[in-house]
Every structure is written in C-alpha cells, then in structure tokens.
Amino acid sequence: MKKIIILLILVVSCQINSKPPVHHEKMVSILKEMHLVQTYLYEQKLSSEERIKKSKQLYQSILAKHQVSKEEFYEAMNYYSNHVHELDSIYKMVIENTSNPYNP
C-alpha cells in the first residue's frame, strides 16, 4: 500500500509540471532569432571573445523582447529536452520559418 501511495504522488507531481514554462510558439520565435544571431555572428570578422560577448548581449535582448528570463528559457529548454516530440516540432517550425524569406 505504501508503494502505491508513493507511486501516485510521483505520477501526480510529474503531471503538475507537465506545462512548459515558455509556450511552444514563443519558443519557436526565440530559437529562430537566436539561430539567426548565431549565423550573423559567425559571418562577422570577430574574435572568439568578441563573438561570445556580442552573442550574450543579443541573446539577452531577444529574451527581453519576448519577456522571458534566462532562467525561464533554460527551464523551457530542459522541459522540451525531456519532451523530445515537442522539441522536434519546435525545431521543424524554426527551420520552416527561417527557410521562408516571407515569414517574419
């Protein structure tokens, strides 16, 4: 009986945290912008140190634009990493959105 109660508590606690900290569509936008920044920075003639500094600044501005803290973003990436089908769906949309020049 004790094992069943512990199992139920674990199942319920896992279900409570089943909502992602950052919504699917917002993650698509954030990741799209981050990957575009990454591409832009690699095209620039910057030292590794300058590239790292600039990428941190640009990533922070992307998160601020979407009103997502760095901690929320990391929690969301952790959540989606544990929900591979959702992460796959997000990245399919990121690829689709970056491949289409008419998609903002």
PDB file of N, CA and C in Angstrom:
ATOM      1  N   MET A   1       0.824  -1.195   0.000  1.00  0.00           N
ATOM      2  CA  MET A   1       0.000   0.000   0.000  1.00  0.00           C
ATOM      3  C   MET A   1       0.868   1.258   0.000  1.00  0.00           C
ATOM      4  N   LYS A   2       1.924   1.220   0.799  1.00  0.00           N
ATOM      5  CA  LYS A   2       2.826   2.362   0.881  1.00  0.00           C
ATOM      6  C   LYS A   2       3.469   2.657  -0.479  1.00  0.00           C
ATOM      7  N   LYS A   3       3.835   1.617  -1.215  1.00  0.00           N
ATOM      8  CA  LYS A   3       4.453   1.777  -2.531  1.00  0.00           C
ATOM      9  C   LYS A   3       3.469   2.404  -3.521  1.00  0.00           C
ATOM     10  N   ILE A   4       2.214   2.020  -3.421  1.00  0.00           N
ATOM     11  CA  ILE A   4       1.205   2.574  -4.321  1.00  0.00           C
ATOM     12  C   ILE A   4       1.022   4.064  -4.057  1.00  0.00           C
ATOM     13  N   ILE A   5       1.007   4.469  -2.817  1.00  0.00           N
ATOM     14  CA  ILE A   5       0.852   5.890  -2.472  1.00  0.00           C
ATOM     15  C   ILE A   5       2.038   6.693  -2.982  1.00  0.00           C
ATOM     16  N   ILE A   6       3.229   6.181  -2.809  1.00  0.00           N
ATOM     17  CA  ILE A   6       4.431   6.868  -3.301  1.00  0.00           C
ATOM     18  C   ILE A   6       4.386   6.984  -4.815  1.00  0.00           C
ATOM     19  N   LEU A   7       3.983   5.923  -5.479  1.00  0.00           N
ATOM     20  CA  LEU A   7       3.871   5.938  -6.933  1.00  0.00           C
ATOM     21  C   LEU A   7       2.843   6.977  -7.395  1.00  0.00           C
ATOM     22  N   LEU A   8       1.715   7.046  -6.725  1.00  0.00           N
ATOM     23  CA  LEU A   8       0.687   8.035  -7.065  1.00  0.00           C
ATOM     24  C   LEU A   8       1.199   9.460  -6.865  1.00  0.00           C
ATOM     25  N   ILE A   9       1.923   9.689  -5.804  1.00  0.00           N
ATOM     26  CA  ILE A   9       2.493  11.023  -5.542  1.00  0.00           C
ATOM     27  C   ILE A   9       3.462  11.400  -6.659  1.00  0.00           C
ATOM     28  N   LEU A  10       4.297  10.460  -7.068  1.00  0.00           N
ATOM     29  CA  LEU A  10       5.236  10.730  -8.156  1.00  0.00           C
ATOM     30  C   LEU A  10       4.522  11.023  -9.465  1.00  0.00           C
ATOM     31  N   VAL A  11       3.495  10.266  -9.768  1.00  0.00           N
ATOM     32  CA  VAL A  11       2.748  10.473 -11.008  1.00  0.00           C
ATOM     33  C   VAL A  11       2.069  11.834 -10.994  1.00  0.00           C
ATOM     34  N   VAL A  12       1.439  12.184  -9.888  1.00  0.00           N
ATOM     35  CA  VAL A  12       0.758  13.476  -9.780  1.00  0.00           C
ATOM     36  C   VAL A  12       1.760  14.621  -9.850  1.00  0.00           C
ATOM     37  N   SER A  13       2.894  14.507  -9.191  1.00  0.00           N
ATOM     38  CA  SER A  13       3.884  15.584  -9.217  1.00  0.00           C
ATOM     39  C   SER A  13       4.465  15.765 -10.612  1.00  0.00           C
ATOM     40  N   CYS A  14       4.625  14.696 -11.360  1.00  0.00           N
ATOM     41  CA  CYS A  14       5.112  14.803 -12.737  1.00  0.00           C
ATOM     42  C   CYS A  14       4.075  15.476 -13.627  1.00  0.00           C
ATOM     43  N   GLN A  15       2.805  15.210 -13.384  1.00  0.00           N
ATOM     44  CA  GLN A  15       1.744  15.812 -14.183  1.00  0.00           C
ATOM     45  C   GLN A  15       1.594  17.293 -13.872  1.00  0.00           C
ATOM     46  N   ILE A  16       1.863  17.695 -12.648  1.00  0.00           N
ATOM     47  CA  ILE A  16       1.779  19.112 -12.286  1.00  0.00           C
ATOM     48  C   ILE A  16       2.770  19.926 -13.104  1.00  0.00           C
ATOM     49  N   ASN A  17       3.948  19.387 -13.332  1.00  0.00           N
ATOM     50  CA  ASN A  17       4.991  20.086 -14.080  1.00  0.00           C
ATOM     51  C   ASN A  17       4.940  19.775 -15.569  1.00  0.00           C
ATOM     52  N   SER A  18       3.779  19.354 -16.061  1.00  0.00           N
ATOM     53  CA  SER A  18       3.707  18.960 -17.459  1.00  0.00           C
ATOM     54  C   SER A  18       3.481  20.139 -18.399  1.00  0.00           C
ATOM     55  N   LYS A  19       3.354  21.334 -17.873  1.00  0.00           N
ATOM     56  CA  LYS A  19       3.184  22.517 -18.710  1.00  0.00           C
ATOM     57  C   LYS A  19       4.542  23.177 -18.925  1.00  0.00           C
ATOM     58  N   PRO A  20       4.871  23.477 -20.176  1.00  0.00           N
ATOM     59  CA  PRO A  20       6.182  24.111 -20.430  1.00  0.00           C
ATOM     60  C   PRO A  20       6.217  25.538 -19.877  1.00  0.00           C
ATOM     61  N   PRO A  21       7.358  25.959 -19.360  1.00  0.00           N
ATOM     62  CA  PRO A  21       7.479  27.316 -18.814  1.00  0.00           C
ATOM     63  C   PRO A  21       7.382  28.413 -19.873  1.00  0.00           C
ATOM     64  N   VAL A  22       7.699  28.080 -21.120  1.00  0.00           N
ATOM     65  CA  VAL A  22       7.586  29.025 -22.234  1.00  0.00           C
ATOM     66  C   VAL A  22       6.768  28.330 -23.318  1.00  0.00           C
ATOM     67  N   HIS A  23       5.715  29.007 -23.758  1.00  0.00           N
ATOM     68  CA  HIS A  23       4.796  28.427 -24.740  1.00  0.00           C
ATOM     69  C   HIS A  23       5.516  28.061 -26.036  1.00  0.00           C
ATOM     70  N   HIS A  24       5.004  27.039 -26.669  1.00  0.00           N
ATOM     71  CA  HIS A  24       5.557  26.464 -27.903  1.00  0.00           C
ATOM     72  C   HIS A  24       5.859  27.532 -28.964  1.00  0.00           C
ATOM     73  N   GLU A  25       4.879  28.378 -29.294  1.00  0.00           N
ATOM     74  CA  GLU A  25       5.061  29.383 -30.350  1.00  0.00           C
ATOM     75  C   GLU A  25       6.127  30.412 -29.980  1.00  0.00           C
ATOM     76  N   LYS A  26       6.166  30.770 -28.698  1.00  0.00           N
ATOM     77  CA  LYS A  26       7.165  31.740 -28.248  1.00  0.00           C
ATOM     78  C   LYS A  26       8.564  31.130 -28.342  1.00  0.00           C
ATOM     79  N   MET A  27       8.683  29.840 -28.028  1.00  0.00           N
ATOM     80  CA  MET A  27       9.985  29.175 -28.150  1.00  0.00           C
ATOM     81  C   MET A  27      10.439  29.143 -29.604  1.00  0.00           C
ATOM     82  N   VAL A  28       9.514  28.946 -30.520  1.00  0.00           N
ATOM     83  CA  VAL A  28       9.855  28.954 -31.946  1.00  0.00           C
ATOM     84  C   VAL A  28      10.461  30.307 -32.311  1.00  0.00           C
ATOM     85  N   SER A  29       9.807  31.386 -31.901  1.00  0.00           N
ATOM     86  CA  SER A  29      10.300  32.730 -32.219  1.00  0.00           C
ATOM     87  C   SER A  29      11.658  33.001 -31.590  1.00  0.00           C
ATOM     88  N   ILE A  30      11.803  32.630 -30.331  1.00  0.00           N
ATOM     89  CA  ILE A  30      13.061  32.871 -29.623  1.00  0.00           C
ATOM     90  C   ILE A  30      14.200  32.097 -30.288  1.00  0.00           C
ATOM     91  N   LEU A  31      13.984  30.812 -30.520  1.00  0.00           N
ATOM     92  CA  LEU A  31      15.043  29.989 -31.106  1.00  0.00           C
ATOM     93  C   LEU A  31      15.371  30.418 -32.530  1.00  0.00           C
ATOM     94  N   LYS A  32      14.366  30.810 -33.277  1.00  0.00           N
ATOM     95  CA  LYS A  32      14.619  31.305 -34.629  1.00  0.00           C
ATOM     96  C   LYS A  32      15.541  32.516 -34.568  1.00  0.00           C
ATOM     97  N   GLU A  33      15.211  33.477 -33.719  1.00  0.00           N
ATOM     98  CA  GLU A  33      16.028  34.683 -33.610  1.00  0.00           C
ATOM     99  C   GLU A  33      17.432  34.368 -33.110  1.00  0.00           C
ATOM    100  N   MET A  34      17.535  33.449 -32.163  1.00  0.00           N
ATOM    101  CA  MET A  34      18.860  33.077 -31.641  1.00  0.00           C
ATOM    102  C   MET A  34      19.718  32.425 -32.713  1.00  0.00           C
ATOM    103  N   HIS A  35      19.119  31.582 -33.520  1.00  0.00           N
ATOM    104  CA  HIS A  35      19.886  30.933 -34.587  1.00  0.00           C
ATOM    105  C   HIS A  35      20.281  31.924 -35.676  1.00  0.00           C
ATOM    106  N   LEU A  36      19.418  32.884 -35.950  1.00  0.00           N
ATOM    107  CA  LEU A  36      19.776  33.924 -36.918  1.00  0.00           C
ATOM    108  C   LEU A  36      20.925  34.781 -36.390  1.00  0.00           C
ATOM    109  N   VAL A  37      20.916  35.095 -35.093  1.00  0.00           N
ATOM    110  CA  VAL A  37      22.014  35.839 -34.468  1.00  0.00           C
ATOM    111  C   VAL A  37      23.299  35.039 -34.570  1.00  0.00           C
ATOM    112  N   GLN A  38      23.197  33.753 -34.288  1.00  0.00           N
ATOM    113  CA  GLN A  38      24.376  32.889 -34.358  1.00  0.00           C
ATOM    114  C   GLN A  38      24.962  32.891 -35.768  1.00  0.00           C
ATOM    115  N   THR A  39      24.118  32.791 -36.753  1.00  0.00           N
ATOM    116  CA  THR A  39      24.577  32.821 -38.145  1.00  0.00           C
ATOM    117  C   THR A  39      25.231  34.156 -38.468  1.00  0.00           C
ATOM    118  N   TYR A  40      24.579  35.229 -38.078  1.00  0.00           N
ATOM    119  CA  TYR A  40      25.109  36.579 -38.311  1.00  0.00           C
ATOM    120  C   TYR A  40      26.486  36.744 -37.673  1.00  0.00           C
ATOM    121  N   LEU A  41      26.624  36.314 -36.423  1.00  0.00           N
ATOM    122  CA  LEU A  41      27.896  36.491 -35.719  1.00  0.00           C
ATOM    123  C   LEU A  41      29.021  35.658 -36.326  1.00  0.00           C
ATOM    124  N   TYR A  42      28.710  34.489 -36.830  1.00  0.00           N
ATOM    125  CA  TYR A  42      29.751  33.675 -37.450  1.00  0.00           C
ATOM    126  C   TYR A  42      30.192  34.239 -38.791  1.00  0.00           C
ATOM    127  N   GLU A  43      29.371  35.059 -39.386  1.00  0.00           N
ATOM    128  CA  GLU A  43      29.758  35.705 -40.636  1.00  0.00           C
ATOM    129  C   GLU A  43      30.630  36.935 -40.401  1.00  0.00           C
ATOM    130  N   GLN A  44      30.615  37.442 -39.190  1.00  0.00           N
ATOM    131  CA  GLN A  44      31.394  38.633 -38.849  1.00  0.00           C
ATOM    132  C   GLN A  44      32.849  38.259 -38.592  1.00  0.00           C
ATOM    133  N   LYS A  45      33.706  39.219 -38.773  1.00  0.00           N
ATOM    134  CA  LYS A  45      35.138  39.006 -38.509  1.00  0.00           C
ATOM    135  C   LYS A  45      35.417  39.405 -37.054  1.00  0.00           C
ATOM    136  N   LEU A  46      34.997  38.552 -36.130  1.00  0.00           N
ATOM    137  CA  LEU A  46      35.156  38.824 -34.704  1.00  0.00           C
ATOM    138  C   LEU A  46      36.045  37.762 -34.068  1.00  0.00           C
ATOM    139  N   SER A  47      36.731  38.162 -33.037  1.00  0.00           N
ATOM    140  CA  SER A  47      37.490  37.173 -32.263  1.00  0.00           C
ATOM    141  C   SER A  47      36.483  36.332 -31.481  1.00  0.00           C
ATOM    142  N   SER A  48      36.933  35.219 -30.975  1.00  0.00           N
ATOM    143  CA  SER A  48      36.051  34.355 -30.179  1.00  0.00           C
ATOM    144  C   SER A  48      35.495  35.105 -28.981  1.00  0.00           C
ATOM    145  N   GLU A  49      36.352  35.876 -28.342  1.00  0.00           N
ATOM    146  CA  GLU A  49      35.925  36.640 -27.165  1.00  0.00           C
ATOM    147  C   GLU A  49      34.855  37.670 -27.532  1.00  0.00           C
ATOM    148  N   GLU A  50      35.064  38.367 -28.647  1.00  0.00           N
ATOM    149  CA  GLU A  50      34.085  39.367 -29.094  1.00  0.00           C
ATOM    150  C   GLU A  50      32.765  38.698 -29.489  1.00  0.00           C
ATOM    151  N   ARG A  51      32.865  37.560 -30.145  1.00  0.00           N
ATOM    152  CA  ARG A  51      31.672  36.832 -30.574  1.00  0.00           C
ATOM    153  C   ARG A  51      30.857  36.383 -29.361  1.00  0.00           C
ATOM    154  N   ILE A  52      31.520  35.883 -28.338  1.00  0.00           N
ATOM    155  CA  ILE A  52      30.837  35.432 -27.119  1.00  0.00           C
ATOM    156  C   ILE A  52      30.161  36.617 -26.429  1.00  0.00           C
ATOM    157  N   LYS A  53      30.874  37.707 -26.306  1.00  0.00           N
ATOM    158  CA  LYS A  53      30.321  38.896 -25.652  1.00  0.00           C
ATOM    159  C   LYS A  53      29.110  39.420 -26.412  1.00  0.00           C
ATOM    160  N   LYS A  54      29.236  39.520 -27.717  1.00  0.00           N
ATOM    161  CA  LYS A  54      28.144  40.041 -28.550  1.00  0.00           C
ATOM    162  C   LYS A  54      26.952  39.086 -28.531  1.00  0.00           C
ATOM    163  N   SER A  55      27.208  37.792 -28.579  1.00  0.00           N
ATOM    164  CA  SER A  55      26.100  36.832 -28.577  1.00  0.00           C
ATOM    165  C   SER A  55      25.324  36.901 -27.268  1.00  0.00           C
ATOM    166  N   LYS A  56      26.019  37.051 -26.138  1.00  0.00           N
ATOM    167  CA  LYS A  56      25.331  37.194 -24.849  1.00  0.00           C
ATOM    168  C   LYS A  56      24.428  38.416 -24.853  1.00  0.00           C
ATOM    169  N   GLN A  57      24.930  39.525 -25.375  1.00  0.00           N
ATOM    170  CA  GLN A  57      24.133  40.751 -25.439  1.00  0.00           C
ATOM    171  C   GLN A  57      22.902  40.554 -26.318  1.00  0.00           C
ATOM    172  N   LEU A  58      23.104  39.965 -27.475  1.00  0.00           N
ATOM    173  CA  LEU A  58      21.983  39.784 -28.406  1.00  0.00           C
ATOM    174  C   LEU A  58      20.970  38.769 -27.885  1.00  0.00           C
ATOM    175  N   TYR A  59      21.451  37.691 -27.270  1.00  0.00           N
ATOM    176  CA  TYR A  59      20.534  36.701 -26.694  1.00  0.00           C
ATOM    177  C   TYR A  59      19.703  37.332 -25.578  1.00  0.00           C
ATOM    178  N   GLN A  60      20.346  38.143 -24.739  1.00  0.00           N
ATOM    179  CA  GLN A  60      19.615  38.820 -23.670  1.00  0.00           C
ATOM    180  C   GLN A  60      18.546  39.751 -24.228  1.00  0.00           C
ATOM    181  N   SER A  61      18.862  40.441 -25.324  1.00  0.00           N
ATOM    182  CA  SER A  61      17.875  41.341 -25.915  1.00  0.00           C
ATOM    183  C   SER A  61      16.705  40.555 -26.530  1.00  0.00           C
ATOM    184  N   ILE A  62      16.988  39.391 -27.084  1.00  0.00           N
ATOM    185  CA  ILE A  62      15.916  38.540 -27.625  1.00  0.00           C
ATOM    186  C   ILE A  62      14.991  38.088 -26.499  1.00  0.00           C
ATOM    187  N   LEU A  63      15.576  37.623 -25.408  1.00  0.00           N
ATOM    188  CA  LEU A  63      14.764  37.177 -24.277  1.00  0.00           C
ATOM    189  C   LEU A  63      13.956  38.329 -23.695  1.00  0.00           C
ATOM    190  N   ALA A  64      14.560  39.505 -23.597  1.00  0.00           N
ATOM    191  CA  ALA A  64      13.849  40.674 -23.080  1.00  0.00           C
ATOM    192  C   ALA A  64      12.686  41.041 -24.001  1.00  0.00           C
ATOM    193  N   LYS A  65      12.917  40.985 -25.290  1.00  0.00           N
ATOM    194  CA  LYS A  65      11.865  41.284 -26.270  1.00  0.00           C
ATOM    195  C   LYS A  65      10.658  40.373 -26.074  1.00  0.00           C
ATOM    196  N   HIS A  66      10.920  39.116 -25.763  1.00  0.00           N
ATOM    197  CA  HIS A  66       9.851  38.131 -25.585  1.00  0.00           C
ATOM    198  C   HIS A  66       9.406  38.017 -24.125  1.00  0.00           C
ATOM    199  N   GLN A  67       9.963  38.850 -23.281  1.00  0.00           N
ATOM    200  CA  GLN A  67       9.632  38.884 -21.849  1.00  0.00           C
ATOM    201  C   GLN A  67       9.807  37.516 -21.189  1.00  0.00           C
ATOM    202  N   VAL A  68      10.971  36.932 -21.451  1.00  0.00           N
ATOM    203  CA  VAL A  68      11.338  35.639 -20.888  1.00  0.00           C
ATOM    204  C   VAL A  68      12.685  35.808 -20.196  1.00  0.00           C
ATOM    205  N   SER A  69      12.772  35.384 -18.954  1.00  0.00           N
ATOM    206  CA  SER A  69      14.048  35.470 -18.246  1.00  0.00           C
ATOM    207  C   SER A  69      14.971  34.347 -18.712  1.00  0.00           C
ATOM    208  N   LYS A  70      16.249  34.521 -18.413  1.00  0.00           N
ATOM    209  CA  LYS A  70      17.224  33.492 -18.776  1.00  0.00           C
ATOM    210  C   LYS A  70      16.878  32.171 -18.083  1.00  0.00           C
ATOM    211  N   GLU A  71      16.442  32.265 -16.840  1.00  0.00           N
ATOM    212  CA  GLU A  71      16.074  31.068 -16.085  1.00  0.00           C
ATOM    213  C   GLU A  71      14.866  30.368 -16.708  1.00  0.00           C
ATOM    214  N   GLU A  72      13.864  31.157 -17.119  1.00  0.00           N
ATOM    215  CA  GLU A  72      12.690  30.571 -17.770  1.00  0.00           C
ATOM    216  C   GLU A  72      13.083  29.887 -19.083  1.00  0.00           C
ATOM    217  N   PHE A  73      13.990  30.520 -19.818  1.00  0.00           N
ATOM    218  CA  PHE A  73      14.442  29.931 -21.077  1.00  0.00           C
ATOM    219  C   PHE A  73      15.138  28.594 -20.821  1.00  0.00           C
ATOM    220  N   TYR A  74      16.033  28.554 -19.832  1.00  0.00           N
ATOM    221  CA  TYR A  74      16.731  27.304 -19.518  1.00  0.00           C
ATOM    222  C   TYR A  74      15.755  26.238 -19.029  1.00  0.00           C
ATOM    223  N   GLU A  75      14.774  26.644 -18.224  1.00  0.00           N
ATOM    224  CA  GLU A  75      13.750  25.692 -17.765  1.00  0.00           C
ATOM    225  C   GLU A  75      12.962  25.151 -18.949  1.00  0.00           C
ATOM    226  N   ALA A  76      12.629  26.038 -19.889  1.00  0.00           N
ATOM    227  CA  ALA A  76      11.884  25.621 -21.071  1.00  0.00           C
ATOM    228  C   ALA A  76      12.711  24.655 -21.916  1.00  0.00           C
ATOM    229  N   MET A  77      13.987  24.963 -22.118  1.00  0.00           N
ATOM    230  CA  MET A  77      14.840  24.060 -22.893  1.00  0.00           C
ATOM    231  C   MET A  77      14.961  22.704 -22.195  1.00  0.00           C
ATOM    232  N   ASN A  78      15.048  22.722 -20.879  1.00  0.00           N
ATOM    233  CA  ASN A  78      15.091  21.475 -20.124  1.00  0.00           C
ATOM    234  C   ASN A  78      13.781  20.703 -20.297  1.00  0.00           C
ATOM    235  N   TYR A  79      12.658  21.418 -20.184  1.00  0.00           N
ATOM    236  CA  TYR A  79      11.348  20.789 -20.371  1.00  0.00           C
ATOM    237  C   TYR A  79      11.255  20.157 -21.763  1.00  0.00           C
ATOM    238  N   TYR A  80      11.549  20.954 -22.796  1.00  0.00           N
ATOM    239  CA  TYR A  80      11.409  20.452 -24.159  1.00  0.00           C
ATOM    240  C   TYR A  80      12.430  19.348 -24.463  1.00  0.00           C
ATOM    241  N   SER A  81      13.584  19.379 -23.825  1.00  0.00           N
ATOM    242  CA  SER A  81      14.564  18.300 -23.995  1.00  0.00           C
ATOM    243  C   SER A  81      14.032  16.986 -23.433  1.00  0.00           C
ATOM    244  N   ASN A  82      13.203  17.098 -22.413  1.00  0.00           N
ATOM    245  CA  ASN A  82      12.585  15.905 -21.834  1.00  0.00           C
ATOM    246  C   ASN A  82      11.303  15.505 -22.564  1.00  0.00           C
ATOM    247  N   HIS A  83      10.845  16.339 -23.469  1.00  0.00           N
ATOM    248  CA  HIS A  83       9.661  16.068 -24.294  1.00  0.00           C
ATOM    249  C   HIS A  83      10.098  16.196 -25.759  1.00  0.00           C
ATOM    250  N   VAL A  84      10.806  15.194 -26.202  1.00  0.00           N
ATOM    251  CA  VAL A  84      11.510  15.229 -27.483  1.00  0.00           C
ATOM    252  C   VAL A  84      10.573  15.501 -28.663  1.00  0.00           C
ATOM    253  N   HIS A  85       9.376  14.968 -28.630  1.00  0.00           N
ATOM    254  CA  HIS A  85       8.452  15.189 -29.745  1.00  0.00           C
ATOM    255  C   HIS A  85       8.077  16.657 -29.859  1.00  0.00           C
ATOM    256  N   GLU A  86       7.913  17.323 -28.725  1.00  0.00           N
ATOM    257  CA  GLU A  86       7.602  18.754 -28.747  1.00  0.00           C
ATOM    258  C   GLU A  86       8.798  19.557 -29.247  1.00  0.00           C
ATOM    259  N   LEU A  87      10.002  19.192 -28.792  1.00  0.00           N
ATOM    260  CA  LEU A  87      11.207  19.884 -29.249  1.00  0.00           C
ATOM    261  C   LEU A  87      11.397  19.694 -30.751  1.00  0.00           C
ATOM    262  N   ASP A  88      11.141  18.502 -31.215  1.00  0.00           N
ATOM    263  CA  ASP A  88      11.235  18.230 -32.645  1.00  0.00           C
ATOM    264  C   ASP A  88      10.246  19.099 -33.423  1.00  0.00           C
ATOM    265  N   SER A  89       9.050  19.225 -32.914  1.00  0.00           N
ATOM    266  CA  SER A  89       8.032  20.061 -33.552  1.00  0.00           C
ATOM    267  C   SER A  89       8.464  21.528 -33.569  1.00  0.00           C
ATOM    268  N   ILE A  90       9.049  21.983 -32.480  1.00  0.00           N
ATOM    269  CA  ILE A  90       9.536  23.369 -32.397  1.00  0.00           C
ATOM    270  C   ILE A  90      10.610  23.599 -33.455  1.00  0.00           C
ATOM    271  N   TYR A  91      11.580  22.701 -33.535  1.00  0.00           N
ATOM    272  CA  TYR A  91      12.670  22.895 -34.486  1.00  0.00           C
ATOM    273  C   TYR A  91      12.221  22.748 -35.939  1.00  0.00           C
ATOM    274  N   LYS A  92      11.211  21.945 -36.187  1.00  0.00           N
ATOM    275  CA  LYS A  92      10.657  21.887 -37.546  1.00  0.00           C
ATOM    276  C   LYS A  92      10.090  23.251 -37.927  1.00  0.00           C
ATOM    277  N   MET A  93       9.408  23.901 -36.977  1.00  0.00           N
ATOM    278  CA  MET A  93       8.857  25.225 -37.239  1.00  0.00           C
ATOM    279  C   MET A  93       9.960  26.273 -37.372  1.00  0.00           C
ATOM    280  N   VAL A  94      11.007  26.159 -36.574  1.00  0.00           N
ATOM    281  CA  VAL A  94      12.146  27.089 -36.679  1.00  0.00           C
ATOM    282  C   VAL A  94      12.762  26.979 -38.071  1.00  0.00           C
ATOM    283  N   ILE A  95      12.986  25.761 -38.520  1.00  0.00           N
ATOM    284  CA  ILE A  95      13.574  25.546 -39.844  1.00  0.00           C
ATOM    285  C   ILE A  95      12.647  26.080 -40.930  1.00  0.00           C
ATOM    286  N   GLU A  96      11.371  25.784 -40.804  1.00  0.00           N
ATOM    287  CA  GLU A  96      10.401  26.266 -41.785  1.00  0.00           C
ATOM    288  C   GLU A  96      10.375  27.800 -41.814  1.00  0.00           C
ATOM    289  N   ASN A  97      10.378  28.415 -40.654  1.00  0.00           N
ATOM    290  CA  ASN A  97      10.319  29.890 -40.578  1.00  0.00           C
ATOM    291  C   ASN A  97      11.593  30.558 -41.078  1.00  0.00           C
ATOM    292  N   THR A  98      12.734  29.948 -40.853  1.00  0.00           N
ATOM    293  CA  THR A  98      13.984  30.565 -41.327  1.00  0.00           C
ATOM    294  C   THR A  98      14.218  30.275 -42.800  1.00  0.00           C
ATOM    295  N   SER A  99      13.592  29.224 -43.310  1.00  0.00           N
ATOM    296  CA  SER A  99      13.739  28.896 -44.729  1.00  0.00           C
ATOM    297  C   SER A  99      12.834  29.736 -45.616  1.00  0.00           C
ATOM    298  N   ASN A 100      11.785  30.281 -45.047  1.00  0.00           N
ATOM    299  CA  ASN A 100      10.824  31.065 -45.808  1.00  0.00           C
ATOM    300  C   ASN A 100      11.148  32.555 -45.667  1.00  0.00           C
ATOM    301  N   PRO A 101      11.648  33.202 -46.718  1.00  0.00           N
ATOM    302  CA  PRO A 101      12.045  34.605 -46.604  1.00  0.00           C
ATOM    303  C   PRO A 101      10.856  35.551 -46.388  1.00  0.00           C
ATOM    304  N   TYR A 102       9.643  35.082 -46.619  1.00  0.00           N
ATOM    305  CA  TYR A 102       8.465  35.933 -46.453  1.00  0.00           C
ATOM    306  C   TYR A 102       7.828  35.789 -45.094  1.00  0.00           C
ATOM    307  N   ASN A 103       8.400  34.938 -44.239  1.00  0.00           N
ATOM    308  CA  ASN A 103       7.854  34.710 -42.907  1.00  0.00           C
ATOM    309  C   ASN A 103       8.624  35.584 -41.919  1.00  0.00           C
ATOM    310  N   PRO A 104       7.936  36.459 -41.206  1.00  0.00           N
ATOM    311  CA  PRO A 104       8.647  37.362 -40.273  1.00  0.00           C
ATOM    312  C   PRO A 104       9.276  36.651 -39.106  1.00  0.00           C
TER     313      PRO A 104
END
